[in-house]
C-alpha atoms as a PDB file:
ATOM      1  CA  MET A   1      95.387  89.283  81.687  1.00  0.00           C
ATOM      2  CA  THR A   2      95.224  92.078  78.972  1.00  0.00           C
ATOM      3  CA  ASP A   3      95.132  95.130  78.998  1.00  0.00           C
ATOM      4  CA  GLU A   4      92.709  95.744  76.304  1.00  0.00           C
ATOM      5  CA  PRO A   5      89.303  97.926  77.167  1.00  0.00           C
ATOM      6  CA  SER A   6      86.846  96.136  79.167  1.00  0.00           C
ATOM      7  CA  VAL A   7      83.900  94.789  76.891  1.00  0.00           C
ATOM      8  CA  PRO A   8      80.973  96.680  77.997  1.00  0.00           C
ATOM      9  CA  VAL A   9      79.214  94.197  80.561  1.00  0.00           C
ATOM     10  CA  ARG A  10      75.973  94.126  81.888  1.00  0.00           C
ATOM     11  CA  VAL A  11      76.190  94.261  85.486  1.00  0.00           C
ATOM     12  CA  THR A  12      73.460  94.544  87.736  1.00  0.00           C
ATOM     13  CA  PRO A  13      73.027  95.858  91.724  1.00  0.00           C
ATOM     14  CA  GLY A  14      72.300  92.563  92.341  1.00  0.00           C
ATOM     15  CA  THR A  15      74.872  91.198  91.074  1.00  0.00           C
ATOM     16  CA  LEU A  16      77.104  93.629  92.365  1.00  0.00           C
ATOM     17  CA  PHE A  17      75.498  93.212  95.868  1.00  0.00           C
ATOM     18  CA  ARG A  18      76.451  89.275  95.400  1.00  0.00           C
ATOM     19  CA  GLY A  19      79.589  89.575  94.247  1.00  0.00           C
ATOM     20  CA  PHE A  20      80.540  92.166  97.000  1.00  0.00           C
ATOM     21  CA  LEU A  21      78.953  89.704  99.544  1.00  0.00           C
ATOM     22  CA  LEU A  22      81.440  87.003  99.072  1.00  0.00           C
ATOM     23  CA  ILE A  23      84.174  89.094  99.119  1.00  0.00           C
ATOM     24  CA  GLY A  24      83.033  90.347 102.638  1.00  0.00           C
ATOM     25  CA  VAL A  25      82.218  86.992 103.563  1.00  0.00           C
ATOM     26  CA  SER A  26      85.766  86.173 102.473  1.00  0.00           C
ATOM     27  CA  GLY A  27      87.435  87.353 105.828  1.00  0.00           C
ATOM     28  CA  PHE A  28      87.731  90.461 107.809  1.00  0.00           C
ATOM     29  CA  GLY A  29      90.827  93.182 106.252  1.00  0.00           C
ATOM     30  CA  GLY A  30      93.081  92.002 103.795  1.00  0.00           C
ATOM     31  CA  VAL A  31      90.285  91.113 101.193  1.00  0.00           C
ATOM     32  CA  MET A  32      91.828  92.740  98.258  1.00  0.00           C
ATOM     33  CA  PRO A  33      93.189  89.619  96.823  1.00  0.00           C
ATOM     34  CA  PHE A  34      89.798  88.571  96.475  1.00  0.00           C
ATOM     35  CA  ALA A  35      88.274  91.508  95.125  1.00  0.00           C
ATOM     36  CA  HIS A  36      90.670  91.148  92.408  1.00  0.00           C
ATOM     37  CA  ARG A  37      89.890  87.621  91.352  1.00  0.00           C
ATOM     38  CA  MET A  38      86.517  88.399  91.695  1.00  0.00           C
ATOM     39  CA  LEU A  39      86.579  91.663  89.371  1.00  0.00           C
ATOM     40  CA  VAL A  40      89.123  90.657  86.892  1.00  0.00           C
ATOM     41  CA  GLU A  41      89.946  87.071  86.592  1.00  0.00           C
ATOM     42  CA  HIS A  42      86.312  85.759  87.534  1.00  0.00           C
ATOM     43  CA  HIS A  43      83.700  87.699  86.280  1.00  0.00           C
ATOM     44  CA  ARG A  44      85.739  89.902  83.949  1.00  0.00           C
ATOM     45  CA  TRP A  45      84.412  93.200  84.897  1.00  0.00           C
ATOM     46  CA  LEU A  46      87.481  95.228  84.794  1.00  0.00           C
ATOM     47  CA  THR A  47      90.880  94.387  83.130  1.00  0.00           C
ATOM     48  CA  GLU A  48      93.971  94.817  85.115  1.00  0.00           C
ATOM     49  CA  ARG A  49      94.420  98.091  84.222  1.00  0.00           C
ATOM     50  CA  GLU A  50      91.134  99.546  84.970  1.00  0.00           C
ATOM     51  CA  PHE A  51      91.838  97.765  88.311  1.00  0.00           C
ATOM     52  CA  THR A  52      94.980  99.394  88.610  1.00  0.00           C
ATOM     53  CA  GLN A  53      93.952 102.335  88.090  1.00  0.00           C
ATOM     54  CA  ALA A  54      90.323 102.135  90.327  1.00  0.00           C
ATOM     55  CA  LEU A  55      92.599 100.808  93.154  1.00  0.00           C
ATOM     56  CA  SER A  56      95.095 103.613  93.070  1.00  0.00           C
ATOM     57  CA  LEU A  57      91.998 106.153  93.408  1.00  0.00           C
ATOM     58  CA  SER A  58      90.671 103.966  96.187  1.00  0.00           C
ATOM     59  CA  GLN A  59      93.841 104.314  98.002  1.00  0.00           C
ATOM     60  CA  PHE A  60      94.351 108.123  97.636  1.00  0.00           C
ATOM     61  CA  LEU A  61      90.810 108.304  99.302  1.00  0.00           C
ATOM     62  CA  PRO A  62      89.805 108.647 102.499  1.00  0.00           C
ATOM     63  CA  GLY A  63      88.811 105.669 104.232  1.00  0.00           C
ATOM     64  CA  PRO A  64      89.729 101.530 103.648  1.00  0.00           C
ATOM     65  CA  ASN A  65      90.733 100.890 100.390  1.00  0.00           C
ATOM     66  CA  ILE A  66      88.383  97.642  99.748  1.00  0.00           C
ATOM     67  CA  THR A  67      85.239  99.822 100.608  1.00  0.00           C
ATOM     68  CA  ASN A  68      86.773 102.588  98.224  1.00  0.00           C
ATOM     69  CA  LEU A  69      86.950 100.018  95.520  1.00  0.00           C
ATOM     70  CA  CYS A  70      83.250  98.875  96.137  1.00  0.00           C
ATOM     71  CA  VAL A  71      82.046 102.599  95.736  1.00  0.00           C
ATOM     72  CA  ILE A  72      84.021 103.194  93.024  1.00  0.00           C
ATOM     73  CA  VAL A  73      83.173 100.071  90.639  1.00  0.00           C
ATOM     74  CA  GLY A  74      79.418 100.264  91.892  1.00  0.00           C
ATOM     75  CA  ARG A  75      78.850 103.336  91.133  1.00  0.00           C
ATOM     76  CA  ARG A  76      80.984 102.772  87.473  1.00  0.00           C
ATOM     77  CA  PHE A  77      78.535  99.910  86.166  1.00  0.00           C
ATOM     78  CA  GLN A  78      74.979 101.043  88.126  1.00  0.00           C
ATOM     79  CA  GLY A  79      75.304 104.833  89.371  1.00  0.00           C
ATOM     80  CA  THR A  80      74.396 105.658  92.597  1.00  0.00           C
ATOM     81  CA  LEU A  81      72.129 102.673  93.225  1.00  0.00           C
ATOM     82  CA  GLY A  82      75.275 100.332  92.242  1.00  0.00           C
ATOM     83  CA  ALA A  83      77.611 101.837  94.346  1.00  0.00           C
ATOM     84  CA  VAL A  84      74.655 101.271  97.644  1.00  0.00           C
ATOM     85  CA  ALA A  85      74.327  97.558  96.239  1.00  0.00           C
ATOM     86  CA  ALA A  86      78.034  96.944  96.226  1.00  0.00           C
ATOM     87  CA  THR A  87      78.928  98.530  99.723  1.00  0.00           C
ATOM     88  CA  VAL A  88      76.252  96.826 101.468  1.00  0.00           C
ATOM     89  CA  GLY A  89      77.467  93.441  99.779  1.00  0.00           C
ATOM     90  CA  LEU A  90      80.998  94.185 101.300  1.00  0.00           C
ATOM     91  CA  LEU A  91      80.036  95.252 104.682  1.00  0.00           C
ATOM     92  CA  LEU A  92      76.906  93.371 105.802  1.00  0.00           C
ATOM     93  CA  PRO A  93      78.869  89.745 105.884  1.00  0.00           C
ATOM     94  CA  PRO A  94      81.672  91.419 108.458  1.00  0.00           C
ATOM     95  CA  LEU A  95      78.751  93.270 110.216  1.00  0.00           C
ATOM     96  CA  VAL A  96      76.348  90.451 110.985  1.00  0.00           C
ATOM     97  CA  ILE A  97      79.523  88.064 112.620  1.00  0.00           C
ATOM     98  CA  VAL A  98      80.744  91.023 114.439  1.00  0.00           C
ATOM     99  CA  LEU A  99      76.586  91.152 115.683  1.00  0.00           C
ATOM    100  CA  ILE A 100      76.448  87.765 116.329  1.00  0.00           C
ATOM    101  CA  LEU A 101      79.624  87.213 118.714  1.00  0.00           C
ATOM    102  CA  ALA A 102      78.476  90.521 120.640  1.00  0.00           C
ATOM    103  CA  THR A 103      75.465  88.855 121.048  1.00  0.00           C
ATOM    104  CA  LEU A 104      77.242  85.597 122.272  1.00  0.00           C
ATOM    105  CA  PHE A 105      79.436  87.483 124.536  1.00  0.00           C
ATOM    106  CA  ALA A 106      76.869  89.145 126.413  1.00  0.00           C
ATOM    107  CA  GLN A 107      75.295  85.702 126.765  1.00  0.00           C
ATOM    108  CA  PHE A 108      78.353  84.042 127.974  1.00  0.00           C
ATOM    109  CA  ALA A 109      80.420  87.041 129.720  1.00  0.00           C
ATOM    110  CA  HIS A 110      79.963  86.007 132.928  1.00  0.00           C
ATOM    111  CA  ILE A 111      81.870  82.504 132.208  1.00  0.00           C
ATOM    112  CA  ASP A 112      85.735  82.201 133.419  1.00  0.00           C
ATOM    113  CA  ALA A 113      86.873  80.793 129.822  1.00  0.00           C
ATOM    114  CA  VAL A 114      84.907  82.859 128.058  1.00  0.00           C
ATOM    115  CA  ARG A 115      86.933  85.734 129.880  1.00  0.00           C
ATOM    116  CA  GLY A 116      89.965  83.941 129.706  1.00  0.00           C
ATOM    117  CA  ALA A 117      90.008  83.836 125.928  1.00  0.00           C
ATOM    118  CA  CYS A 118      89.001  87.620 125.723  1.00  0.00           C
ATOM    119  CA  ASN A 119      92.150  88.316 127.858  1.00  0.00           C
ATOM    120  CA  GLY A 120      94.151  86.681 125.608  1.00  0.00           C
ATOM    121  CA  VAL A 121      92.630  88.188 122.227  1.00  0.00           C
ATOM    122  CA  SER A 122      93.157  91.472 123.787  1.00  0.00           C
ATOM    123  CA  ALA A 123      96.854  90.891 124.399  1.00  0.00           C
ATOM    124  CA  ALA A 124      97.344  89.266 120.986  1.00  0.00           C
ATOM    125  CA  ALA A 125      95.905  92.653 119.814  1.00  0.00           C
ATOM    126  CA  SER A 126      97.837  94.599 121.932  1.00  0.00           C
ATOM    127  CA  GLY A 127     101.250  92.638 120.581  1.00  0.00           C
ATOM    128  CA  LEU A 128     100.178  93.130 117.137  1.00  0.00           C
ATOM    129  CA  ILE A 129      99.613  97.089 118.212  1.00  0.00           C
ATOM    130  CA  LEU A 130     103.204  97.311 119.778  1.00  0.00           C
ATOM    131  CA  SER A 131     104.537  95.293 116.826  1.00  0.00           C
ATOM    132  CA  VAL A 132     103.360  97.838 114.074  1.00  0.00           C
ATOM    133  CA  ALA A 133     103.815 100.771 116.797  1.00  0.00           C
ATOM    134  CA  PHE A 134     107.509 100.049 116.667  1.00  0.00           C
ATOM    135  CA  LYS A 135     108.058  99.276 112.674  1.00  0.00           C
ATOM    136  CA  MET A 136     106.426 102.814 112.117  1.00  0.00           C
ATOM    137  CA  THR A 137     109.253 103.850 114.283  1.00  0.00           C
ATOM    138  CA  ARG A 138     111.937 102.226 111.603  1.00  0.00           C
ATOM    139  CA  PRO A 139     111.876 105.886 109.647  1.00  0.00           C
ATOM    140  CA  ILE A 140     112.187 108.302 112.824  1.00  0.00           C
ATOM    141  CA  ARG A 141     114.674 106.336 114.784  1.00  0.00           C
ATOM    142  CA  ARG A 142     117.810 108.473 114.030  1.00  0.00           C
ATOM    143  CA  GLN A 143     116.052 111.527 114.558  1.00  0.00           C
ATOM    144  CA  PRO A 144     115.930 111.994 118.591  1.00  0.00           C
ATOM    145  CA  LEU A 145     113.588 115.210 118.550  1.00  0.00           C
ATOM    146  CA  GLN A 146     110.740 112.999 116.731  1.00  0.00           C
ATOM    147  CA  LEU A 147     111.522 109.601 118.804  1.00  0.00           C
ATOM    148  CA  CYS A 148     111.298 112.446 122.183  1.00  0.00           C
ATOM    149  CA  ILE A 149     107.677 113.221 120.567  1.00  0.00           C
ATOM    150  CA  ALA A 150     106.479 109.777 119.975  1.00  0.00           C
ATOM    151  CA  ALA A 151     107.542 108.822 123.584  1.00  0.00           C
ATOM    152  CA  ILE A 152     105.753 111.958 124.880  1.00  0.00           C
ATOM    153  CA  THR A 153     102.456 111.364 123.172  1.00  0.00           C
ATOM    154  CA  PHE A 154     102.223 107.411 124.660  1.00  0.00           C
ATOM    155  CA  VAL A 155     103.206 108.709 128.072  1.00  0.00           C
ATOM    156  CA  ALA A 156     100.651 111.359 127.359  1.00  0.00           C
ATOM    157  CA  ILE A 157      97.716 108.999 125.767  1.00  0.00           C
ATOM    158  CA  ALA A 158      98.682 105.640 127.733  1.00  0.00           C
ATOM    159  CA  LEU A 159      99.884 106.630 130.841  1.00  0.00           C
ATOM    160  CA  ALA A 160      98.249 109.966 131.941  1.00  0.00           C
ATOM    161  CA  ARG A 161      95.259 109.007 129.512  1.00  0.00           C
ATOM    162  CA  THR A 162      95.215 112.567 128.254  1.00  0.00           C
ATOM    163  CA  PRO A 163      92.305 112.866 125.694  1.00  0.00           C
ATOM    164  CA  LEU A 164      93.717 111.778 122.225  1.00  0.00           C
ATOM    165  CA  LEU A 165      92.068 114.764 120.660  1.00  0.00           C
ATOM    166  CA  TRP A 166      94.047 117.600 123.415  1.00  0.00           C
ATOM    167  CA  THR A 167      97.374 115.639 122.946  1.00  0.00           C
ATOM    168  CA  LEU A 168      97.127 115.796 119.490  1.00  0.00           C
ATOM    169  CA  ALA A 169      96.073 118.829 119.320  1.00  0.00           C
ATOM    170  CA  VAL A 170      99.180 120.051 121.084  1.00  0.00           C
ATOM    171  CA  VAL A 171     102.129 117.418 119.893  1.00  0.00           C
ATOM    172  CA  ALA A 172     101.147 117.302 116.287  1.00  0.00           C
ATOM    173  CA  PRO A 173     101.967 120.991 115.352  1.00  0.00           C
ATOM    174  CA  VAL A 174     104.948 120.400 117.544  1.00  0.00           C
ATOM    175  CA  SER A 175     105.592 117.306 115.924  1.00  0.00           C
ATOM    176  CA  ILE A 176     105.016 119.036 112.280  1.00  0.00           C
ATOM    177  CA  GLY A 177     107.620 121.841 113.363  1.00  0.00           C
ATOM    178  CA  ILE A 178     110.226 119.648 114.239  1.00  0.00           C
ATOM    179  CA  ALA A 179     109.853 117.640 110.912  1.00  0.00           C
ATOM    180  CA  TRP A 180     110.029 121.023 108.747  1.00  0.00           C
ATOM    181  CA  TRP A 181     113.333 122.627 110.905  1.00  0.00           C
ATOM    182  CA  ALA A 182     115.499 119.250 110.498  1.00  0.00           C
ATOM    183  CA  ARG A 183     114.428 119.209 106.698  1.00  0.00           C
ATOM    184  CA  ALA A 184     115.675 122.949 106.829  1.00  0.00           C
ATOM    185  CA  ARG A 185     119.242 122.031 108.312  1.00  0.00           C
END
């Protein structure tokens, strides 16, 4: 890959749609390597440097990085229409797959094996969430006040079933205050 400026390329809205459609079909989440391959290696719409710059901006903006990237790339080549074409291409396959799975689930939810499979998936998803939560506590594991805030938040939301918005309205300012206080010491 070169760092030379990319040669002006004619990219149509249809081409953007098809390119990002293939990325969307590639998987749920974790499709950035497919985007890199399509944009930089296969179609050569972007240089390595341009891709890195677009990705950096995508990470800075709110929302999923890949969605932000497809808006940036689509807009670069075809303005608003290109951004829409790329975004629809990216999001259409997962939407269709989820709708099909939801329809199938609605048809077969009464079957014990299907309910059991869903319970198994729920248990696995819960385990993944807990695993991520434990990894996220590593930076604060030597900060007992922050660990206490995390525990209080867990109890409030998971056990006491306090609404998330109310819990965050109380806990977030307290946590920020504790972090500022700890830094100032």
